[in-house]
Amino acid sequence: MSRKYFGTDGIRGRANGLITPELAMKVGQAAGLVFQRGEYRHRVVIGKDTRLSGYMIETALVAGFTSVGMDVLLLGPMPTPAVAMLTKSMRADLGVMISASHNLFEDNGIKLFGPHGFKLSDDVERQIEQLLDECLDKRLAPSTSLGRARRIDGVHDRYIEFAKRTLPRDISLEGLRVVVDCANGAAYKVVPEALWELGADVVSIGVDPDGFNINKECGSTAPEALSRKVREMRGDIGIALDGDADRVILTDERGHVIDGDQLLAVIAQSWQEDGRLAKPGIVATVMSNLGLERFLGEQGIEMMRTPVGDRYVLEQMMKGGYNLGGEPSGHIILSDYATTGDGFVAALQVLAVVQKLGRPVSEVCHRFDPLPQILKNVRYRNGKPLDNAGVKSAIRDGEQRLNGHGRLLIRPSGTEPVIRVMGEGDDREIVEEVVDTICSALGDAAAAA
């Protein structure tokens, strides 16, 4: 069965385009029916980020869930990992996050979590999708069994205490000036407060959401604002979250950006030294730099690779018994604490290492030199360019040239008619030549199709 609504991270699209009140209500009804598994009173928790369309979608979801007899607990603006944590903590049958993550305000989405705080499996999403295209009128709750909805207080404090408990008891952030960019998103209240409670001198930007400015020239996908503020305020470190705070990018005291690969290196080496790695390995994606893999190998730490997407990282972590994984984009999963990526908790782990070592962030967070990496896209209209004989030959030749000194990754985009060609290696000129040759062959194949 093809997936009509769900993508790699829930349902996402333009507000009042794909994501309409009708669809949101139907999602509430369908998901509510799938997760009703007994005669007890079922409940769902709903969080959201700060997009204008969140009000519309939240109200429609409430109508859907209550119409099939589920009680709804409304959290208000909360990070995605907080919603996942509270779903389990509050013994809810289902958790919902209304967010389009790092996208701008025009988009929105619906992320669903099961009762243990994990994102739904493909099988469960297929069950929900099937119900979305059916008439559910005869499966609605009788009037005496409709659900209730209420907003609950104190959830911010619960997440703050949860995040603080991920640090060793003897760690304080006193003496650190921390500049944090909350992307005008879901973490704009909880993260600055948590950092202050931990003793940091906090400078906050991206904490004035107006419904329209989420991720706009701020946050982890636009760290330039954070870099400027760190230099202006002479900060010791900068933390940039995205709109729903499930990913993080850092900057050092000079304003230089530190990506997810370097964060993985810092946490992996620290956890290995402290005996906290569940096994001598971590999980990353095919996009992580070969420099990270080599660095970890020198430390005796294996790196498993998965397709792009934090859900694939988590699946491999659970399958292989790993407790650390992530992506260069800053999705860092620490399964000892969270069931999904948590940008703030990941940042706290790095801050703990900074305090422990007593060295500048520029030293602590530079564990390896990334290999030159080149990514180019080739657009096509129809056909399958990767099946072309000339393309296959170019890829084979490129792999031979990089053998032992780099790697190639050629994959079709999952969202548009584009072939992505990524090469990395010790010699930048060779990598450029290999990538350009493959792109040229793909262009010829696309033109001939």
Protein backbone atom coordinates (compact mmCIF):
# COMPACT_ATOMS: atom_id res chain seq x y z
CA MET A 1 0.00 0.00 0.00
CA SER A 2 1.50 3.37 -1.01
CA ARG A 3 1.65 6.08 1.66
CA LYS A 4 -0.75 8.87 0.78
CA TYR A 5 -0.42 11.02 3.88
CA PHE A 6 2.48 9.92 6.08
CA GLY A 7 6.06 10.79 5.21
CA THR A 8 9.25 9.99 7.08
CA ASP A 9 8.17 12.13 10.05
CA GLY A 10 4.41 12.10 10.34
CA ILE A 11 2.08 14.10 8.09
CA ARG A 12 3.46 17.40 6.84
CA GLY A 13 2.41 20.01 4.29
CA ARG A 14 1.10 23.51 3.67
CA ALA A 15 -1.43 24.70 6.25
CA ASN A 16 -4.86 24.78 4.58
CA GLY A 17 -3.23 22.99 1.65
CA LEU A 18 -2.61 19.39 2.64
CA ILE A 19 -3.06 20.10 6.36
CA THR A 20 -6.71 21.18 6.59
CA PRO A 21 -9.09 21.16 9.56
CA GLU A 22 -10.95 18.29 7.89
CA LEU A 23 -7.81 16.19 7.63
CA ALA A 24 -6.75 16.98 11.20
CA MET A 25 -10.15 15.98 12.57
CA LYS A 26 -10.04 12.77 10.56
CA VAL A 27 -6.54 12.02 11.86
CA GLY A 28 -7.87 12.44 15.40
CA GLN A 29 -10.72 10.05 14.71
CA ALA A 30 -8.61 7.46 12.89
CA ALA A 31 -5.71 7.49 15.35
CA GLY A 32 -8.11 7.48 18.26
CA LEU A 33 -9.86 4.38 16.92
CA VAL A 34 -6.58 2.57 16.27
CA PHE A 35 -5.34 3.23 19.80
CA GLN A 36 -8.52 2.27 21.66
CA ARG A 37 -7.54 -1.09 23.12
CA GLY A 38 -9.84 -1.77 26.04
CA GLU A 39 -12.84 -0.62 28.04
CA TYR A 40 -10.95 1.96 30.12
CA ARG A 41 -11.04 5.70 29.53
CA HIS A 42 -8.46 6.53 26.85
CA ARG A 43 -6.42 9.73 26.76
CA VAL A 44 -4.21 11.61 24.32
CA VAL A 45 -1.76 14.45 24.97
CA ILE A 46 -1.35 17.19 22.34
CA GLY A 47 1.54 19.64 22.12
CA LYS A 48 2.38 22.17 19.43
CA ASP A 49 4.95 24.70 18.33
CA THR A 50 4.20 28.39 17.74
CA ARG A 51 2.82 28.47 14.18
CA LEU A 52 -0.36 30.44 13.56
CA SER A 53 -2.02 27.35 12.09
CA GLY A 54 -1.44 25.42 15.33
CA TYR A 55 -4.65 26.83 16.81
CA MET A 56 -6.70 25.58 13.87
CA ILE A 57 -5.13 22.12 13.79
CA GLU A 58 -5.26 21.69 17.57
CA THR A 59 -8.97 22.48 17.68
CA ALA A 60 -9.71 20.09 14.80
CA LEU A 61 -7.70 17.28 16.43
CA VAL A 62 -9.59 17.80 19.69
CA ALA A 63 -12.88 17.45 17.82
CA GLY A 64 -11.66 14.24 16.19
CA PHE A 65 -10.35 12.59 19.33
CA THR A 66 -13.29 13.52 21.53
CA SER A 67 -15.76 12.36 18.88
CA VAL A 68 -14.40 8.80 19.19
CA GLY A 69 -14.42 8.94 23.01
CA MET A 70 -10.84 9.93 23.86
CA ASP A 71 -10.04 12.49 26.55
CA VAL A 72 -7.56 15.17 25.46
CA LEU A 73 -4.87 16.85 27.55
CA LEU A 74 -3.59 20.03 25.89
CA LEU A 75 0.04 20.93 26.64
CA GLY A 76 0.37 24.14 24.62
CA PRO A 77 3.75 25.02 23.05
CA MET A 78 6.21 22.28 24.02
CA PRO A 79 9.24 20.66 22.38
CA THR A 80 8.60 17.46 20.46
CA PRO A 81 10.77 15.37 22.85
CA ALA A 82 8.77 16.76 25.77
CA VAL A 83 5.54 15.55 24.18
CA ALA A 84 7.08 12.10 23.66
CA MET A 85 8.26 12.02 27.28
CA LEU A 86 4.92 13.21 28.69
CA THR A 87 2.99 10.68 26.60
CA LYS A 88 4.69 7.90 28.52
CA SER A 89 4.94 9.74 31.84
CA MET A 90 1.21 10.60 31.91
CA ARG A 91 0.18 7.10 30.80
CA ALA A 92 -1.49 8.42 27.68
CA ASP A 93 -2.49 6.05 24.91
CA LEU A 94 -1.26 8.43 22.26
CA GLY A 95 0.80 11.60 21.91
CA VAL A 96 0.53 14.25 19.19
CA MET A 97 2.92 17.04 18.24
CA ILE A 98 1.64 19.72 15.89
CA SER A 99 4.74 20.95 14.10
CA ALA A 100 6.55 21.15 10.78
CA SER A 101 9.89 21.05 12.59
CA HIS A 102 12.43 23.32 10.81
CA ASN A 103 10.03 24.49 8.05
CA LEU A 104 8.73 28.06 7.92
CA PHE A 105 5.34 29.02 9.36
CA GLU A 106 3.31 28.33 6.18
CA ASP A 107 3.76 24.59 6.71
CA ASN A 108 2.59 22.46 9.58
CA GLY A 109 2.41 18.81 10.46
CA ILE A 110 1.10 16.11 12.76
CA LYS A 111 3.55 13.78 14.51
CA LEU A 112 2.16 10.83 16.44
CA PHE A 113 3.69 8.89 19.34
CA GLY A 114 2.58 5.58 20.80
CA PRO A 115 2.00 4.99 24.53
CA HIS A 116 5.71 4.41 25.19
CA GLY A 117 6.74 7.66 23.53
CA PHE A 118 8.07 6.19 20.28
CA LYS A 119 7.07 7.32 16.81
CA LEU A 120 4.60 4.99 15.14
CA SER A 121 5.68 2.01 13.08
CA ASP A 122 4.94 1.81 9.36
CA ASP A 123 2.26 -0.81 10.06
CA VAL A 124 0.37 1.42 12.51
CA GLU A 125 0.62 4.39 10.15
CA ARG A 126 -0.85 2.23 7.39
CA GLN A 127 -3.79 1.34 9.65
CA ILE A 128 -4.44 5.03 10.28
CA GLU A 129 -4.08 5.89 6.59
CA GLN A 130 -6.64 3.27 5.65
CA LEU A 131 -9.17 4.79 8.06
CA LEU A 132 -8.51 8.31 6.74
CA ASP A 133 -10.15 7.40 3.45
CA GLU A 134 -13.14 5.63 5.03
CA CYS A 135 -16.41 7.00 6.35
CA LEU A 136 -16.20 6.74 10.14
CA ASP A 137 -19.64 8.07 11.03
CA LYS A 138 -20.84 4.70 12.31
CA ARG A 139 -17.76 4.28 14.52
CA LEU A 140 -18.15 7.52 16.47
CA ALA A 141 -18.74 7.34 20.21
CA PRO A 142 -22.32 7.51 21.54
CA SER A 143 -23.28 10.86 23.03
CA THR A 144 -22.82 9.52 26.57
CA SER A 145 -19.21 8.47 25.87
CA LEU A 146 -17.77 11.55 24.17
CA GLY A 147 -14.34 12.65 25.32
CA ARG A 148 -13.43 15.74 27.32
CA ALA A 149 -10.60 18.20 26.69
CA ARG A 150 -8.67 20.36 29.13
CA ARG A 151 -5.46 22.32 29.28
CA ILE A 152 -3.01 21.19 31.91
CA ASP A 153 -0.50 23.26 33.88
CA GLY A 154 2.93 22.38 35.15
CA VAL A 155 4.16 20.52 32.08
CA HIS A 156 6.96 23.03 31.49
CA ASP A 157 8.34 22.31 34.95
CA ARG A 158 8.14 18.57 34.36
CA TYR A 159 10.23 18.79 31.20
CA ILE A 160 12.75 21.15 32.79
CA GLU A 161 13.28 18.76 35.70
CA PHE A 162 13.56 15.82 33.29
CA ALA A 163 16.23 17.62 31.23
CA LYS A 164 18.21 18.69 34.31
CA ARG A 165 18.27 15.11 35.62
CA THR A 166 20.16 13.98 32.50
CA LEU A 167 23.24 15.76 33.89
CA PRO A 168 25.51 14.37 36.62
CA ARG A 169 24.59 15.82 40.02
CA ASP A 170 27.91 17.59 40.46
CA ILE A 171 27.66 19.49 37.15
CA SER A 172 26.73 23.17 37.29
CA LEU A 173 26.79 25.64 34.42
CA GLU A 174 27.99 28.49 36.62
CA GLY A 175 30.64 30.56 34.93
CA LEU A 176 29.33 29.84 31.42
CA ARG A 177 27.68 32.48 29.30
CA VAL A 178 25.28 30.54 27.08
CA VAL A 179 23.59 32.16 24.10
CA VAL A 180 20.52 30.18 23.06
CA ASP A 181 18.42 30.59 19.91
CA CYS A 182 15.01 28.95 20.30
CA ALA A 183 13.97 29.66 16.67
CA ASN A 184 10.82 31.45 17.93
CA GLY A 185 9.52 27.94 18.37
CA ALA A 186 8.33 25.40 20.87
CA ALA A 187 11.26 25.69 23.29
CA TYR A 188 11.11 29.46 23.76
CA LYS A 189 10.04 29.19 27.40
CA VAL A 190 11.49 25.97 28.77
CA VAL A 191 15.08 26.01 27.51
CA PRO A 192 16.19 29.50 28.69
CA GLU A 193 14.60 28.81 32.08
CA ALA A 194 16.29 25.41 32.40
CA LEU A 195 19.70 26.86 31.53
CA TRP A 196 19.23 29.62 34.11
CA GLU A 197 18.24 27.10 36.78
CA LEU A 198 21.44 25.17 36.02
CA GLY A 199 23.46 28.27 36.81
CA ALA A 200 24.31 29.63 33.37
CA ASP A 201 24.43 33.29 32.40
CA VAL A 202 21.76 33.06 29.69
CA VAL A 203 21.37 35.28 26.64
CA SER A 204 18.23 34.36 24.68
CA ILE A 205 17.24 35.10 21.10
CA GLY A 206 14.42 33.64 19.03
CA VAL A 207 12.08 33.77 22.04
CA ASP A 208 9.42 36.16 20.72
CA PRO A 209 7.09 34.02 18.60
CA ASP A 210 4.29 35.81 16.77
CA GLY A 211 2.87 32.91 14.76
CA PHE A 212 4.81 33.87 11.65
CA ASN A 213 8.50 34.05 12.60
CA ILE A 214 9.25 30.45 13.57
CA ASN A 215 12.58 29.39 11.97
CA LYS A 216 12.71 32.67 10.06
CA GLU A 217 16.38 33.66 9.81
CA CYS A 218 17.01 31.94 13.12
CA GLY A 219 17.37 28.52 14.70
CA SER A 220 19.47 25.53 13.73
CA THR A 221 18.85 25.92 9.99
CA ALA A 222 20.00 29.57 10.03
CA PRO A 223 22.72 29.76 12.72
CA GLU A 224 24.17 33.05 11.45
CA ALA A 225 22.06 35.03 13.94
CA LEU A 226 23.37 32.90 16.79
CA SER A 227 26.98 33.26 15.62
CA ARG A 228 26.64 37.04 15.56
CA LYS A 229 25.08 37.12 19.03
CA VAL A 230 27.77 34.89 20.51
CA ARG A 231 30.48 37.21 19.22
CA GLU A 232 28.56 40.32 20.30
CA MET A 233 27.93 39.05 23.84
CA ARG A 234 31.27 37.25 24.16
CA GLY A 235 29.43 34.03 24.88
CA ASP A 236 31.20 30.79 25.74
CA ILE A 237 28.85 28.70 23.61
CA GLY A 238 25.81 29.09 21.38
CA ILE A 239 22.88 26.68 21.18
CA ALA A 240 20.53 26.79 18.17
CA LEU A 241 17.38 24.67 18.25
CA ASP A 242 14.86 24.20 15.46
CA GLY A 243 11.14 24.97 15.62
CA ASP A 244 10.18 21.90 17.64
CA ALA A 245 13.55 21.50 19.42
CA ASP A 246 14.29 17.96 18.32
CA ARG A 247 17.54 19.03 16.68
CA VAL A 248 20.44 21.25 17.72
CA ILE A 249 23.47 22.99 16.24
CA LEU A 250 26.11 24.62 18.44
CA THR A 251 28.61 27.42 17.93
CA ASP A 252 31.89 27.87 19.75
CA GLU A 253 33.03 31.07 21.46
CA ARG A 254 34.19 32.44 18.11
CA GLY A 255 30.80 31.89 16.50
CA HIS A 256 31.97 28.92 14.41
CA VAL A 257 29.23 26.37 13.74
CA ILE A 258 29.52 22.87 15.24
CA ASP A 259 27.38 20.28 13.44
CA GLY A 260 25.81 17.03 14.59
CA ASP A 261 28.82 14.92 13.57
CA GLN A 262 31.11 16.79 15.96
CA LEU A 263 28.48 16.53 18.71
CA LEU A 264 28.31 12.78 18.20
CA ALA A 265 32.10 12.60 18.45
CA VAL A 266 32.16 14.59 21.71
CA ILE A 267 29.38 12.60 23.38
CA ALA A 268 30.61 9.22 22.12
CA GLN A 269 34.17 9.72 23.37
CA SER A 270 33.01 11.13 26.70
CA TRP A 271 30.51 8.34 27.26
CA GLN A 272 33.06 5.71 26.33
CA GLU A 273 35.55 7.13 28.87
CA ASP A 274 32.84 7.14 31.54
CA GLY A 275 31.62 3.64 30.68
CA ARG A 276 28.24 4.96 29.56
CA LEU A 277 28.14 3.61 25.99
CA ALA A 278 25.84 0.59 25.98
CA LYS A 279 28.27 -1.04 23.54
CA PRO A 280 31.37 0.24 21.71
CA GLY A 281 29.46 1.79 18.84
CA ILE A 282 27.03 4.47 17.72
CA VAL A 283 24.50 4.82 14.89
CA ALA A 284 24.74 7.53 12.22
CA THR A 285 23.36 7.96 8.71
CA VAL A 286 24.89 7.69 5.26
CA MET A 287 25.34 11.49 5.35
CA SER A 288 27.74 11.53 8.31
CA ASN A 289 31.26 12.53 7.35
CA LEU A 290 33.89 9.86 6.81
CA GLY A 291 36.10 11.87 9.16
CA LEU A 292 33.73 11.01 12.02
CA GLU A 293 33.86 7.32 11.16
CA ARG A 294 37.66 7.34 11.11
CA PHE A 295 37.89 9.27 14.38
CA LEU A 296 35.55 6.88 16.15
CA GLY A 297 37.44 3.91 14.74
CA GLU A 298 40.64 5.26 16.31
CA GLN A 299 38.81 5.30 19.66
CA GLY A 300 37.65 1.71 19.22
CA ILE A 301 34.07 2.83 18.55
CA GLU A 302 32.19 1.31 15.62
CA MET A 303 29.85 3.48 13.52
CA MET A 304 26.78 1.87 11.99
CA ARG A 305 25.15 3.72 9.08
CA THR A 306 21.46 3.92 8.20
CA PRO A 307 19.39 5.72 5.52
CA VAL A 308 18.69 9.41 6.14
CA GLY A 309 16.06 10.00 8.83
CA ASP A 310 16.08 9.87 12.62
CA ARG A 311 13.46 7.11 12.63
CA TYR A 312 15.94 4.81 10.86
CA VAL A 313 18.65 5.77 13.33
CA LEU A 314 16.39 4.89 16.25
CA GLU A 315 15.33 1.59 14.66
CA GLN A 316 18.98 0.53 14.31
CA MET A 317 19.76 1.69 17.85
CA MET A 318 16.97 -0.46 19.26
CA LYS A 319 17.85 -3.40 17.05
CA GLY A 320 21.56 -3.31 17.85
CA GLY A 321 21.41 -2.23 21.49
CA TYR A 322 23.09 1.18 20.98
CA ASN A 323 22.27 4.17 23.16
CA LEU A 324 23.69 7.00 21.01
CA GLY A 325 22.89 7.95 17.44
CA GLY A 326 22.23 10.95 15.26
CA GLU A 327 22.60 12.94 12.06
CA PRO A 328 24.81 15.83 10.88
CA SER A 329 21.68 18.04 10.92
CA GLY A 330 21.67 17.84 14.71
CA HIS A 331 19.12 15.13 15.41
CA ILE A 332 20.85 13.45 18.35
CA ILE A 333 19.11 10.50 20.03
CA LEU A 334 20.16 9.55 23.55
CA SER A 335 18.03 6.51 24.23
CA ASP A 336 18.97 6.35 27.93
CA TYR A 337 16.85 9.48 28.31
CA ALA A 338 14.58 9.97 25.30
CA THR A 339 12.62 8.08 22.69
CA THR A 340 13.27 10.64 19.97
CA GLY A 341 15.79 13.36 19.12
CA ASP A 342 16.14 15.94 21.89
CA GLY A 343 18.20 18.99 20.93
CA PHE A 344 18.35 20.46 24.41
CA VAL A 345 19.35 17.27 26.21
CA ALA A 346 22.05 16.69 23.58
CA ALA A 347 23.36 20.22 24.17
CA LEU A 348 23.43 19.57 27.92
CA GLN A 349 25.64 16.51 27.40
CA VAL A 350 28.14 18.65 25.52
CA LEU A 351 27.97 21.40 28.16
CA ALA A 352 28.78 18.78 30.80
CA VAL A 353 31.93 17.83 28.89
CA VAL A 354 32.89 21.49 28.52
CA GLN A 355 32.58 22.03 32.28
CA LYS A 356 34.38 18.78 33.08
CA LEU A 357 37.37 19.58 30.88
CA GLY A 358 37.47 23.30 31.64
CA ARG A 359 38.55 24.12 28.11
CA PRO A 360 37.07 26.42 25.43
CA VAL A 361 34.26 25.01 23.31
CA SER A 362 36.40 25.48 20.19
CA GLU A 363 38.81 22.87 21.59
CA VAL A 364 36.28 20.55 23.20
CA CYS A 365 34.06 20.32 20.12
CA HIS A 366 36.73 19.88 17.47
CA ARG A 367 37.42 16.15 17.60
CA PHE A 368 38.24 15.58 13.92
CA ASP A 369 38.79 17.40 10.65
CA PRO A 370 35.89 16.68 8.28
CA LEU A 371 36.84 15.32 4.89
CA PRO A 372 35.95 17.52 1.91
CA GLN A 373 32.35 16.69 1.01
CA ILE A 374 30.60 17.75 -2.18
CA LEU A 375 26.87 17.36 -2.81
CA LYS A 376 25.21 18.13 -6.14
CA ASN A 377 21.68 17.53 -7.44
CA VAL A 378 20.69 16.46 -10.94
CA ARG A 379 17.05 17.04 -11.90
CA TYR A 380 15.22 14.72 -14.30
CA ARG A 381 11.71 14.61 -15.76
CA ASN A 382 11.03 10.90 -16.23
CA GLY A 383 12.63 7.49 -16.43
CA LYS A 384 15.24 6.03 -14.10
CA PRO A 385 18.61 7.67 -14.82
CA LEU A 386 20.40 5.44 -12.31
CA ASP A 387 19.64 2.42 -14.53
CA ASN A 388 21.49 3.97 -17.48
CA ALA A 389 24.62 2.03 -18.55
CA GLY A 390 26.73 5.20 -18.84
CA VAL A 391 25.70 6.29 -15.34
CA LYS A 392 26.53 2.88 -13.89
CA SER A 393 29.93 2.96 -15.57
CA ALA A 394 30.67 6.48 -14.20
CA ILE A 395 29.74 5.36 -10.70
CA ARG A 396 31.98 2.28 -10.91
CA ASP A 397 34.91 4.37 -12.14
CA GLY A 398 34.34 6.90 -9.36
CA GLU A 399 34.24 4.23 -6.67
CA GLN A 400 37.51 2.83 -7.95
CA ARG A 401 39.19 6.27 -7.86
CA LEU A 402 38.03 6.85 -4.27
CA ASN A 403 38.66 3.31 -3.06
CA GLY A 404 40.16 3.54 0.41
CA HIS A 405 40.37 7.33 0.28
CA GLY A 406 36.71 8.37 0.21
CA ARG A 407 33.19 7.29 -0.60
CA LEU A 408 30.25 7.97 -2.88
CA LEU A 409 26.56 8.20 -2.10
CA ILE A 410 24.11 8.46 -4.99
CA ARG A 411 20.43 8.39 -4.13
CA PRO A 412 17.13 9.66 -5.52
CA SER A 413 15.32 12.28 -3.47
CA GLY A 414 12.22 11.07 -1.70
CA THR A 415 10.33 14.32 -2.28
CA GLU A 416 11.28 15.57 -5.77
CA PRO A 417 12.59 14.27 -9.14
CA VAL A 418 16.22 14.78 -8.25
CA ILE A 419 19.24 12.50 -7.98
CA ARG A 420 21.58 13.53 -5.17
CA VAL A 421 25.27 12.85 -5.77
CA MET A 422 27.50 13.12 -2.72
CA GLY A 423 31.22 12.42 -2.70
CA GLU A 424 33.84 12.86 -0.02
CA GLY A 425 37.50 11.99 0.25
CA ASP A 426 40.99 13.01 1.23
CA ASP A 427 41.67 14.83 -2.06
CA ARG A 428 39.09 17.53 -2.83
CA GLU A 429 40.08 17.81 -6.49
CA ILE A 430 39.55 14.09 -7.10
CA VAL A 431 36.20 14.20 -5.29
CA GLU A 432 35.07 17.14 -7.45
CA GLU A 433 36.12 15.34 -10.63
CA VAL A 434 34.30 12.16 -9.63
CA VAL A 435 31.09 13.99 -8.64
CA ASP A 436 31.13 16.14 -11.80
CA THR A 437 31.64 13.09 -14.02
CA ILE A 438 28.71 11.26 -12.47
CA CYS A 439 26.50 14.36 -12.65
CA SER A 440 27.39 14.77 -16.32
CA ALA A 441 26.45 11.15 -17.03
CA LEU A 442 23.18 11.59 -15.15
CA GLY A 443 22.44 14.77 -17.11
CA ASP A 444 23.02 12.95 -20.41
CA ALA A 445 20.77 10.09 -19.30
CA ALA A 446 18.03 12.48 -18.18
CA ALA A 447 18.17 14.34 -21.49
CA ALA A 448 17.91 11.11 -23.46
CA ALA A 449 14.96 9.77 -21.44
